[in-house]
Amino acid sequence: MVQKKPKLTIEYSSKMDTIIRKKAMSPKCLQVLKDIGLSKYEAIAYHVLLKVKSATAREISQMANIPAGFLYRSLNGLIGMGFAKYSGYKPRYYEAIPRKRE
């Protein structure tokens, strides 16, 4: 029997004020991620990946409300910086690589 992934109830939006208002991502969290070099979309995508553990680009795009073109660029940036990885092929599943505090 194939197990389905549970649906997520967290709502995301590409508008920063909406994300902050819904408390899906705090302004402090966003600022910390931007301070270490992530763009706005990279920060949102990384936050979603940390919440869901593993997802396809389409699922991430829907949860984060990030246009596909920006999402693929953001995911590639996260992979290049060592914040994410992918597995599989058609579809690829992306996973966050949690960072340790120093």
PDB file of N, CA and C in Angstrom:
ATOM      1  N   MET A   1       0.832  -1.172   0.000  1.00  0.00           N
ATOM      2  CA  MET A   1       0.000   0.000   0.000  1.00  0.00           C
ATOM      3  C   MET A   1       0.886   1.248   0.000  1.00  0.00           C
ATOM      4  N   VAL A   2       0.575   2.192  -0.846  1.00  0.00           N
ATOM      5  CA  VAL A   2       1.345   3.420  -0.964  1.00  0.00           C
ATOM      6  C   VAL A   2       0.827   4.428   0.053  1.00  0.00           C
ATOM      7  N   GLN A   3       1.740   5.003   0.819  1.00  0.00           N
ATOM      8  CA  GLN A   3       1.355   6.009   1.797  1.00  0.00           C
ATOM      9  C   GLN A   3       1.433   7.380   1.163  1.00  0.00           C
ATOM     10  N   LYS A   4       0.404   8.173   1.393  1.00  0.00           N
ATOM     11  CA  LYS A   4       0.393   9.530   0.870  1.00  0.00           C
ATOM     12  C   LYS A   4       1.000  10.461   1.899  1.00  0.00           C
ATOM     13  N   LYS A   5       1.678  11.502   1.410  1.00  0.00           N
ATOM     14  CA  LYS A   5       2.223  12.505   2.313  1.00  0.00           C
ATOM     15  C   LYS A   5       1.067  13.342   2.863  1.00  0.00           C
ATOM     16  N   PRO A   6       1.132  13.710   4.137  1.00  0.00           N
ATOM     17  CA  PRO A   6       0.065  14.526   4.701  1.00  0.00           C
ATOM     18  C   PRO A   6       0.065  15.923   4.099  1.00  0.00           C
ATOM     19  N   LYS A   7      -1.126  16.493   3.956  1.00  0.00           N
ATOM     20  CA  LYS A   7      -1.241  17.854   3.444  1.00  0.00           C
ATOM     21  C   LYS A   7      -0.805  18.823   4.527  1.00  0.00           C
ATOM     22  N   LEU A   8      -0.167  19.885   4.115  1.00  0.00           N
ATOM     23  CA  LEU A   8       0.304  20.887   5.060  1.00  0.00           C
ATOM     24  C   LEU A   8      -0.750  21.966   5.244  1.00  0.00           C
ATOM     25  N   THR A   9      -0.820  22.468   6.443  1.00  0.00           N
ATOM     26  CA  THR A   9      -1.805  23.504   6.726  1.00  0.00           C
ATOM     27  C   THR A   9      -1.172  24.888   6.806  1.00  0.00           C
ATOM     28  N   ILE A  10       0.147  24.962   6.692  1.00  0.00           N
ATOM     29  CA  ILE A  10       0.823  26.253   6.760  1.00  0.00           C
ATOM     30  C   ILE A  10       0.644  26.971   5.432  1.00  0.00           C
ATOM     31  N   GLU A  11       0.219  28.215   5.485  1.00  0.00           N
ATOM     32  CA  GLU A  11       0.043  29.006   4.270  1.00  0.00           C
ATOM     33  C   GLU A  11       1.226  29.953   4.118  1.00  0.00           C
ATOM     34  N   TYR A  12       1.766  30.027   2.923  1.00  0.00           N
ATOM     35  CA  TYR A  12       2.879  30.903   2.634  1.00  0.00           C
ATOM     36  C   TYR A  12       2.489  31.845   1.508  1.00  0.00           C
ATOM     37  N   SER A  13       3.155  32.966   1.446  1.00  0.00           N
ATOM     38  CA  SER A  13       2.946  33.925   0.390  1.00  0.00           C
ATOM     39  C   SER A  13       4.274  34.579   0.071  1.00  0.00           C
ATOM     40  N   SER A  14       4.443  35.014  -1.166  1.00  0.00           N
ATOM     41  CA  SER A  14       5.699  35.660  -1.527  1.00  0.00           C
ATOM     42  C   SER A  14       5.777  37.083  -0.986  1.00  0.00           C
ATOM     43  N   LYS A  15       4.663  37.630  -0.514  1.00  0.00           N
ATOM     44  CA  LYS A  15       4.680  38.980   0.049  1.00  0.00           C
ATOM     45  C   LYS A  15       5.145  38.904   1.495  1.00  0.00           C
ATOM     46  N   MET A  16       6.227  39.593   1.802  1.00  0.00           N
ATOM     47  CA  MET A  16       6.824  39.497   3.131  1.00  0.00           C
ATOM     48  C   MET A  16       5.866  39.898   4.239  1.00  0.00           C
ATOM     49  N   ASP A  17       5.083  40.947   4.053  1.00  0.00           N
ATOM     50  CA  ASP A  17       4.181  41.361   5.126  1.00  0.00           C
ATOM     51  C   ASP A  17       3.125  40.298   5.404  1.00  0.00           C
ATOM     52  N   THR A  18       2.684  39.577   4.381  1.00  0.00           N
ATOM     53  CA  THR A  18       1.706  38.504   4.565  1.00  0.00           C
ATOM     54  C   THR A  18       2.325  37.352   5.333  1.00  0.00           C
ATOM     55  N   ILE A  19       3.545  37.005   5.003  1.00  0.00           N
ATOM     56  CA  ILE A  19       4.234  35.919   5.701  1.00  0.00           C
ATOM     57  C   ILE A  19       4.412  36.283   7.165  1.00  0.00           C
ATOM     58  N   ILE A  20       4.844  37.504   7.416  1.00  0.00           N
ATOM     59  CA  ILE A  20       5.068  37.928   8.790  1.00  0.00           C
ATOM     60  C   ILE A  20       3.743  38.003   9.548  1.00  0.00           C
ATOM     61  N   ARG A  21       2.689  38.518   8.913  1.00  0.00           N
ATOM     62  CA  ARG A  21       1.393  38.643   9.560  1.00  0.00           C
ATOM     63  C   ARG A  21       0.827  37.285   9.934  1.00  0.00           C
ATOM     64  N   LYS A  22       1.016  36.286   9.076  1.00  0.00           N
ATOM     65  CA  LYS A  22       0.502  34.946   9.347  1.00  0.00           C
ATOM     66  C   LYS A  22       1.421  34.169  10.279  1.00  0.00           C
ATOM     67  N   LYS A  23       2.537  34.793  10.660  1.00  0.00           N
ATOM     68  CA  LYS A  23       3.510  34.194  11.578  1.00  0.00           C
ATOM     69  C   LYS A  23       4.089  32.893  11.039  1.00  0.00           C
ATOM     70  N   ALA A  24       4.112  32.758   9.720  1.00  0.00           N
ATOM     71  CA  ALA A  24       4.737  31.593   9.120  1.00  0.00           C
ATOM     72  C   ALA A  24       6.253  31.752   9.161  1.00  0.00           C
ATOM     73  N   MET A  25       6.708  33.002   9.130  1.00  0.00           N
ATOM     74  CA  MET A  25       8.136  33.284   9.208  1.00  0.00           C
ATOM     75  C   MET A  25       8.298  34.621   9.910  1.00  0.00           C
ATOM     76  N   SER A  26       9.043  34.632  10.985  1.00  0.00           N
ATOM     77  CA  SER A  26       9.205  35.872  11.743  1.00  0.00           C
ATOM     78  C   SER A  26      10.162  36.819  11.019  1.00  0.00           C
ATOM     79  N   PRO A  27      10.025  38.121  11.275  1.00  0.00           N
ATOM     80  CA  PRO A  27      10.940  39.074  10.649  1.00  0.00           C
ATOM     81  C   PRO A  27      12.390  38.810  11.060  1.00  0.00           C
ATOM     82  N   LYS A  28      12.593  38.366  12.297  1.00  0.00           N
ATOM     83  CA  LYS A  28      13.944  38.068  12.775  1.00  0.00           C
ATOM     84  C   LYS A  28      14.543  36.901  11.998  1.00  0.00           C
ATOM     85  N   CYS A  29      13.743  35.876  11.772  1.00  0.00           N
ATOM     86  CA  CYS A  29      14.192  34.709  11.007  1.00  0.00           C
ATOM     87  C   CYS A  29      14.567  35.124   9.590  1.00  0.00           C
ATOM     88  N   LEU A  30      13.717  35.911   8.965  1.00  0.00           N
ATOM     89  CA  LEU A  30      13.991  36.391   7.607  1.00  0.00           C
ATOM     90  C   LEU A  30      15.286  37.193   7.572  1.00  0.00           C
ATOM     91  N   GLN A  31      15.464  38.078   8.546  1.00  0.00           N
ATOM     92  CA  GLN A  31      16.650  38.920   8.575  1.00  0.00           C
ATOM     93  C   GLN A  31      17.920  38.094   8.777  1.00  0.00           C
ATOM     94  N   VAL A  32      17.855  37.099   9.642  1.00  0.00           N
ATOM     95  CA  VAL A  32      19.013  36.235   9.869  1.00  0.00           C
ATOM     96  C   VAL A  32      19.402  35.513   8.576  1.00  0.00           C
ATOM     97  N   LEU A  33      18.406  34.981   7.883  1.00  0.00           N
ATOM     98  CA  LEU A  33      18.683  34.273   6.630  1.00  0.00           C
ATOM     99  C   LEU A  33      19.236  35.216   5.565  1.00  0.00           C
ATOM    100  N   LYS A  34      18.725  36.450   5.526  1.00  0.00           N
ATOM    101  CA  LYS A  34      19.243  37.425   4.569  1.00  0.00           C
ATOM    102  C   LYS A  34      20.664  37.862   4.939  1.00  0.00           C
ATOM    103  N   ASP A  35      20.940  37.945   6.248  1.00  0.00           N
ATOM    104  CA  ASP A  35      22.277  38.346   6.705  1.00  0.00           C
ATOM    105  C   ASP A  35      23.343  37.323   6.316  1.00  0.00           C
ATOM    106  N   ILE A  36      22.954  36.060   6.228  1.00  0.00           N
ATOM    107  CA  ILE A  36      23.940  35.049   5.851  1.00  0.00           C
ATOM    108  C   ILE A  36      24.040  34.874   4.337  1.00  0.00           C
ATOM    109  N   GLY A  37      23.297  35.696   3.595  1.00  0.00           N
ATOM    110  CA  GLY A  37      23.482  35.722   2.149  1.00  0.00           C
ATOM    111  C   GLY A  37      22.356  35.157   1.302  1.00  0.00           C
ATOM    112  N   LEU A  38      21.236  34.786   1.920  1.00  0.00           N
ATOM    113  CA  LEU A  38      20.122  34.259   1.126  1.00  0.00           C
ATOM    114  C   LEU A  38      19.254  35.398   0.604  1.00  0.00           C
ATOM    115  N   SER A  39      18.707  35.212  -0.586  1.00  0.00           N
ATOM    116  CA  SER A  39      17.739  36.180  -1.116  1.00  0.00           C
ATOM    117  C   SER A  39      16.387  35.938  -0.442  1.00  0.00           C
ATOM    118  N   LYS A  40      15.436  36.804  -0.717  1.00  0.00           N
ATOM    119  CA  LYS A  40      14.097  36.664  -0.133  1.00  0.00           C
ATOM    120  C   LYS A  40      13.486  35.315  -0.506  1.00  0.00           C
ATOM    121  N   TYR A  41      13.520  34.960  -1.782  1.00  0.00           N
ATOM    122  CA  TYR A  41      12.923  33.706  -2.230  1.00  0.00           C
ATOM    123  C   TYR A  41      13.693  32.491  -1.714  1.00  0.00           C
ATOM    124  N   GLU A  42      15.012  32.595  -1.637  1.00  0.00           N
ATOM    125  CA  GLU A  42      15.802  31.501  -1.080  1.00  0.00           C
ATOM    126  C   GLU A  42      15.448  31.279   0.381  1.00  0.00           C
ATOM    127  N   ALA A  43      15.283  32.376   1.125  1.00  0.00           N
ATOM    128  CA  ALA A  43      14.930  32.277   2.546  1.00  0.00           C
ATOM    129  C   ALA A  43      13.567  31.618   2.725  1.00  0.00           C
ATOM    130  N   ILE A  44      12.596  31.998   1.913  1.00  0.00           N
ATOM    131  CA  ILE A  44      11.256  31.418   2.016  1.00  0.00           C
ATOM    132  C   ILE A  44      11.292  29.943   1.640  1.00  0.00           C
ATOM    133  N   ALA A  45      11.986  29.608   0.548  1.00  0.00           N
ATOM    134  CA  ALA A  45      12.066  28.213   0.118  1.00  0.00           C
ATOM    135  C   ALA A  45      12.776  27.356   1.174  1.00  0.00           C
ATOM    136  N   TYR A  46      13.838  27.880   1.766  1.00  0.00           N
ATOM    137  CA  TYR A  46      14.561  27.145   2.803  1.00  0.00           C
ATOM    138  C   TYR A  46      13.664  26.924   4.020  1.00  0.00           C
ATOM    139  N   HIS A  47      12.913  27.939   4.385  1.00  0.00           N
ATOM    140  CA  HIS A  47      11.985  27.838   5.516  1.00  0.00           C
ATOM    141  C   HIS A  47      10.939  26.752   5.255  1.00  0.00           C
ATOM    142  N   VAL A  48      10.401  26.711   4.058  1.00  0.00           N
ATOM    143  CA  VAL A  48       9.426  25.678   3.695  1.00  0.00           C
ATOM    144  C   VAL A  48      10.075  24.296   3.758  1.00  0.00           C
ATOM    145  N   LEU A  49      11.269  24.162   3.215  1.00  0.00           N
ATOM    146  CA  LEU A  49      11.958  22.865   3.227  1.00  0.00           C
ATOM    147  C   LEU A  49      12.240  22.394   4.649  1.00  0.00           C
ATOM    148  N   LEU A  50      12.575  23.309   5.537  1.00  0.00           N
ATOM    149  CA  LEU A  50      12.797  22.920   6.931  1.00  0.00           C
ATOM    150  C   LEU A  50      11.513  22.398   7.572  1.00  0.00           C
ATOM    151  N   LYS A  51      10.384  22.953   7.164  1.00  0.00           N
ATOM    152  CA  LYS A  51       9.092  22.537   7.729  1.00  0.00           C
ATOM    153  C   LYS A  51       8.616  21.196   7.191  1.00  0.00           C
ATOM    154  N   VAL A  52       8.827  20.937   5.902  1.00  0.00           N
ATOM    155  CA  VAL A  52       8.241  19.745   5.281  1.00  0.00           C
ATOM    156  C   VAL A  52       9.207  18.580   5.118  1.00  0.00           C
ATOM    157  N   LYS A  53      10.471  18.791   5.357  1.00  0.00           N
ATOM    158  CA  LYS A  53      11.514  17.762   5.227  1.00  0.00           C
ATOM    159  C   LYS A  53      11.850  17.422   3.779  1.00  0.00           C
ATOM    160  N   SER A  54      10.872  17.087   2.940  1.00  0.00           N
ATOM    161  CA  SER A  54      11.134  16.714   1.552  1.00  0.00           C
ATOM    162  C   SER A  54       9.925  17.063   0.697  1.00  0.00           C
ATOM    163  N   ALA A  55      10.164  17.656  -0.465  1.00  0.00           N
ATOM    164  CA  ALA A  55       9.056  18.043  -1.346  1.00  0.00           C
ATOM    165  C   ALA A  55       9.566  18.249  -2.762  1.00  0.00           C
ATOM    166  N   THR A  56       8.654  18.144  -3.714  1.00  0.00           N
ATOM    167  CA  THR A  56       8.989  18.443  -5.105  1.00  0.00           C
ATOM    168  C   THR A  56       8.969  19.955  -5.298  1.00  0.00           C
ATOM    169  N   ALA A  57       9.537  20.407  -6.393  1.00  0.00           N
ATOM    170  CA  ALA A  57       9.543  21.840  -6.682  1.00  0.00           C
ATOM    171  C   ALA A  57       8.116  22.373  -6.797  1.00  0.00           C
ATOM    172  N   ARG A  58       7.249  21.592  -7.381  1.00  0.00           N
ATOM    173  CA  ARG A  58       5.857  22.029  -7.527  1.00  0.00           C
ATOM    174  C   ARG A  58       5.193  22.221  -6.162  1.00  0.00           C
ATOM    175  N   GLU A  59       5.423  21.282  -5.242  1.00  0.00           N
ATOM    176  CA  GLU A  59       4.847  21.400  -3.903  1.00  0.00           C
ATOM    177  C   GLU A  59       5.404  22.619  -3.165  1.00  0.00           C
ATOM    178  N   ILE A  60       6.709  22.830  -3.303  1.00  0.00           N
ATOM    179  CA  ILE A  60       7.329  23.991  -2.652  1.00  0.00           C
ATOM    180  C   ILE A  60       6.770  25.280  -3.232  1.00  0.00           C
ATOM    181  N   SER A  61       6.636  25.326  -4.542  1.00  0.00           N
ATOM    182  CA  SER A  61       6.098  26.511  -5.209  1.00  0.00           C
ATOM    183  C   SER A  61       4.689  26.821  -4.725  1.00  0.00           C
ATOM    184  N   GLN A  62       3.871  25.810  -4.570  1.00  0.00           N
ATOM    185  CA  GLN A  62       2.497  26.014  -4.107  1.00  0.00           C
ATOM    186  C   GLN A  62       2.459  26.462  -2.647  1.00  0.00           C
ATOM    187  N   MET A  63       3.272  25.843  -1.808  1.00  0.00           N
ATOM    188  CA  MET A  63       3.271  26.199  -0.388  1.00  0.00           C
ATOM    189  C   MET A  63       3.823  27.593  -0.144  1.00  0.00           C
ATOM    190  N   ALA A  64       4.858  27.947  -0.892  1.00  0.00           N
ATOM    191  CA  ALA A  64       5.527  29.228  -0.682  1.00  0.00           C
ATOM    192  C   ALA A  64       4.969  30.338  -1.558  1.00  0.00           C
ATOM    193  N   ASN A  65       4.135  29.985  -2.511  1.00  0.00           N
ATOM    194  CA  ASN A  65       3.588  30.945  -3.459  1.00  0.00           C
ATOM    195  C   ASN A  65       4.716  31.703  -4.176  1.00  0.00           C
ATOM    196  N   ILE A  66       5.703  30.943  -4.615  1.00  0.00           N
ATOM    197  CA  ILE A  66       6.833  31.497  -5.365  1.00  0.00           C
ATOM    198  C   ILE A  66       6.690  31.036  -6.810  1.00  0.00           C
ATOM    199  N   PRO A  67       6.769  31.960  -7.778  1.00  0.00           N
ATOM    200  CA  PRO A  67       6.698  31.559  -9.188  1.00  0.00           C
ATOM    201  C   PRO A  67       7.789  30.537  -9.528  1.00  0.00           C
ATOM    202  N   ALA A  68       7.475  29.596 -10.392  1.00  0.00           N
ATOM    203  CA  ALA A  68       8.378  28.483 -10.701  1.00  0.00           C
ATOM    204  C   ALA A  68       9.763  28.948 -11.146  1.00  0.00           C
ATOM    205  N   GLY A  69       9.842  29.971 -11.982  1.00  0.00           N
ATOM    206  CA  GLY A  69      11.142  30.459 -12.445  1.00  0.00           C
ATOM    207  C   GLY A  69      12.023  30.933 -11.303  1.00  0.00           C
ATOM    208  N   PHE A  70      11.449  31.665 -10.384  1.00  0.00           N
ATOM    209  CA  PHE A  70      12.199  32.126  -9.219  1.00  0.00           C
ATOM    210  C   PHE A  70      12.532  30.967  -8.290  1.00  0.00           C
ATOM    211  N   LEU A  71      11.629  30.005  -8.190  1.00  0.00           N
ATOM    212  CA  LEU A  71      11.844  28.889  -7.280  1.00  0.00           C
ATOM    213  C   LEU A  71      13.030  28.043  -7.726  1.00  0.00           C
ATOM    214  N   TYR A  72      13.089  27.684  -9.009  1.00  0.00           N
ATOM    215  CA  TYR A  72      14.207  26.867  -9.484  1.00  0.00           C
ATOM    216  C   TYR A  72      15.540  27.590  -9.296  1.00  0.00           C
ATOM    217  N   ARG A  73      15.556  28.882  -9.546  1.00  0.00           N
ATOM    218  CA  ARG A  73      16.767  29.667  -9.323  1.00  0.00           C
ATOM    219  C   ARG A  73      17.133  29.667  -7.839  1.00  0.00           C
ATOM    220  N   SER A  74      16.131  29.798  -6.979  1.00  0.00           N
ATOM    221  CA  SER A  74      16.358  29.796  -5.533  1.00  0.00           C
ATOM    222  C   SER A  74      16.837  28.437  -5.042  1.00  0.00           C
ATOM    223  N   LEU A  75      16.212  27.362  -5.538  1.00  0.00           N
ATOM    224  CA  LEU A  75      16.626  26.019  -5.131  1.00  0.00           C
ATOM    225  C   LEU A  75      18.058  25.729  -5.575  1.00  0.00           C
ATOM    226  N   ASN A  76      18.408  26.132  -6.797  1.00  0.00           N
ATOM    227  CA  ASN A  76      19.782  25.941  -7.267  1.00  0.00           C
ATOM    228  C   ASN A  76      20.770  26.737  -6.429  1.00  0.00           C
ATOM    229  N   GLY A  77      20.368  27.947  -6.019  1.00  0.00           N
ATOM    230  CA  GLY A  77      21.213  28.750  -5.134  1.00  0.00           C
ATOM    231  C   GLY A  77      21.404  28.091  -3.786  1.00  0.00           C
ATOM    232  N   LEU A  78      20.323  27.539  -3.223  1.00  0.00           N
ATOM    233  CA  LEU A  78      20.407  26.849  -1.935  1.00  0.00           C
ATOM    234  C   LEU A  78      21.307  25.614  -2.026  1.00  0.00           C
ATOM    235  N   ILE A  79      21.188  24.892  -3.130  1.00  0.00           N
ATOM    236  CA  ILE A  79      22.036  23.713  -3.332  1.00  0.00           C
ATOM    237  C   ILE A  79      23.501  24.132  -3.452  1.00  0.00           C
ATOM    238  N   GLY A  80      23.751  25.180  -4.195  1.00  0.00           N
ATOM    239  CA  GLY A  80      25.114  25.671  -4.374  1.00  0.00           C
ATOM    240  C   GLY A  80      25.760  26.144  -3.082  1.00  0.00           C
ATOM    241  N   MET A  81      24.954  26.685  -2.165  1.00  0.00           N
ATOM    242  CA  MET A  81      25.478  27.160  -0.883  1.00  0.00           C
ATOM    243  C   MET A  81      25.490  26.074   0.189  1.00  0.00           C
ATOM    244  N   GLY A  82      24.972  24.890  -0.145  1.00  0.00           N
ATOM    245  CA  GLY A  82      24.981  23.796   0.818  1.00  0.00           C
ATOM    246  C   GLY A  82      23.813  23.804   1.788  1.00  0.00           C
ATOM    247  N   PHE A  83      22.741  24.517   1.459  1.00  0.00           N
ATOM    248  CA  PHE A  83      21.565  24.572   2.319  1.00  0.00           C
ATOM    249  C   PHE A  83      20.508  23.540   1.939  1.00  0.00           C
ATOM    250  N   ALA A  84      20.634  22.954   0.763  1.00  0.00           N
ATOM    251  CA  ALA A  84      19.637  21.987   0.304  1.00  0.00           C
ATOM    252  C   ALA A  84      20.306  20.950  -0.589  1.00  0.00           C
ATOM    253  N   LYS A  85      19.599  19.855  -0.784  1.00  0.00           N
ATOM    254  CA  LYS A  85      20.044  18.808  -1.700  1.00  0.00           C
ATOM    255  C   LYS A  85      18.808  18.227  -2.364  1.00  0.00           C
ATOM    256  N   TYR A  86      19.016  17.459  -3.401  1.00  0.00           N
ATOM    257  CA  TYR A  86      17.881  16.801  -4.043  1.00  0.00           C
ATOM    258  C   TYR A  86      18.187  15.334  -4.235  1.00  0.00           C
ATOM    259  N   SER A  87      17.125  14.576  -4.389  1.00  0.00           N
ATOM    260  CA  SER A  87      17.269  13.149  -4.670  1.00  0.00           C
ATOM    261  C   SER A  87      16.215  12.769  -5.694  1.00  0.00           C
ATOM    262  N   GLY A  88      16.483  11.695  -6.397  1.00  0.00           N
ATOM    263  CA  GLY A  88      15.530  11.233  -7.402  1.00  0.00           C
ATOM    264  C   GLY A  88      15.605  12.020  -8.683  1.00  0.00           C
ATOM    265  N   TYR A  89      14.816  11.562  -9.625  1.00  0.00           N
ATOM    266  CA  TYR A  89      14.749  12.202 -10.924  1.00  0.00           C
ATOM    267  C   TYR A  89      13.340  11.973 -11.456  1.00  0.00           C
ATOM    268  N   LYS A  90      12.700  13.030 -11.855  1.00  0.00           N
ATOM    269  CA  LYS A  90      11.326  12.999 -12.375  1.00  0.00           C
ATOM    270  C   LYS A  90      10.367  12.316 -11.416  1.00  0.00           C
ATOM    271  N   PRO A  91       9.922  12.920 -10.403  1.00  0.00           N
ATOM    272  CA  PRO A  91      10.273  14.272  -9.954  1.00  0.00           C
ATOM    273  C   PRO A  91      11.438  14.249  -8.978  1.00  0.00           C
ATOM    274  N   ARG A  92      12.124  15.369  -8.908  1.00  0.00           N
ATOM    275  CA  ARG A  92      13.181  15.530  -7.921  1.00  0.00           C
ATOM    276  C   ARG A  92      12.536  15.915  -6.590  1.00  0.00           C
ATOM    277  N   TYR A  93      13.050  15.346  -5.531  1.00  0.00           N
ATOM    278  CA  TYR A  93      12.613  15.722  -4.192  1.00  0.00           C
ATOM    279  C   TYR A  93      13.732  16.527  -3.538  1.00  0.00           C
ATOM    280  N   TYR A  94      13.377  17.707  -3.065  1.00  0.00           N
ATOM    281  CA  TYR A  94      14.348  18.588  -2.441  1.00  0.00           C
ATOM    282  C   TYR A  94      14.240  18.472  -0.931  1.00  0.00           C
ATOM    283  N   GLU A  95      15.392  18.555  -0.267  1.00  0.00           N
ATOM    284  CA  GLU A  95      15.440  18.478   1.187  1.00  0.00           C
ATOM    285  C   GLU A  95      16.359  19.568   1.702  1.00  0.00           C
ATOM    286  N   ALA A  96      16.008  20.127   2.851  1.00  0.00           N
ATOM    287  CA  ALA A  96      16.878  21.118   3.487  1.00  0.00           C
ATOM    288  C   ALA A  96      18.005  20.402   4.204  1.00  0.00           C
ATOM    289  N   ILE A  97      19.146  21.034   4.245  1.00  0.00           N
ATOM    290  CA  ILE A  97      20.248  20.557   5.058  1.00  0.00           C
ATOM    291  C   ILE A  97      20.311  21.510   6.248  1.00  0.00           C
ATOM    292  N   PRO A  98      19.843  21.056   7.414  1.00  0.00           N
ATOM    293  CA  PRO A  98      19.827  21.955   8.579  1.00  0.00           C
ATOM    294  C   PRO A  98      21.227  22.431   8.931  1.00  0.00           C
ATOM    295  N   ARG A  99      21.343  23.689   9.278  1.00  0.00           N
ATOM    296  CA  ARG A  99      22.625  24.279   9.652  1.00  0.00           C
ATOM    297  C   ARG A  99      22.772  24.203  11.163  1.00  0.00           C
ATOM    298  N   LYS A 100      23.971  23.949  11.614  1.00  0.00           N
ATOM    299  CA  LYS A 100      24.238  23.895  13.052  1.00  0.00           C
ATOM    300  C   LYS A 100      24.678  25.274  13.524  1.00  0.00           C
ATOM    301  N   ARG A 101      24.261  25.610  14.737  1.00  0.00           N
ATOM    302  CA  ARG A 101      24.696  26.873  15.325  1.00  0.00           C
ATOM    303  C   ARG A 101      26.146  26.766  15.731  1.00  0.00           C
ATOM    304  N   GLU A 102      26.866  27.858  15.539  1.00  0.00           N
ATOM    305  CA  GLU A 102      28.294  27.853  15.909  1.00  0.00           C
ATOM    306  C   GLU A 102      28.529  28.771  17.062  1.00  0.00           C
TER     307      GLU A 102
END
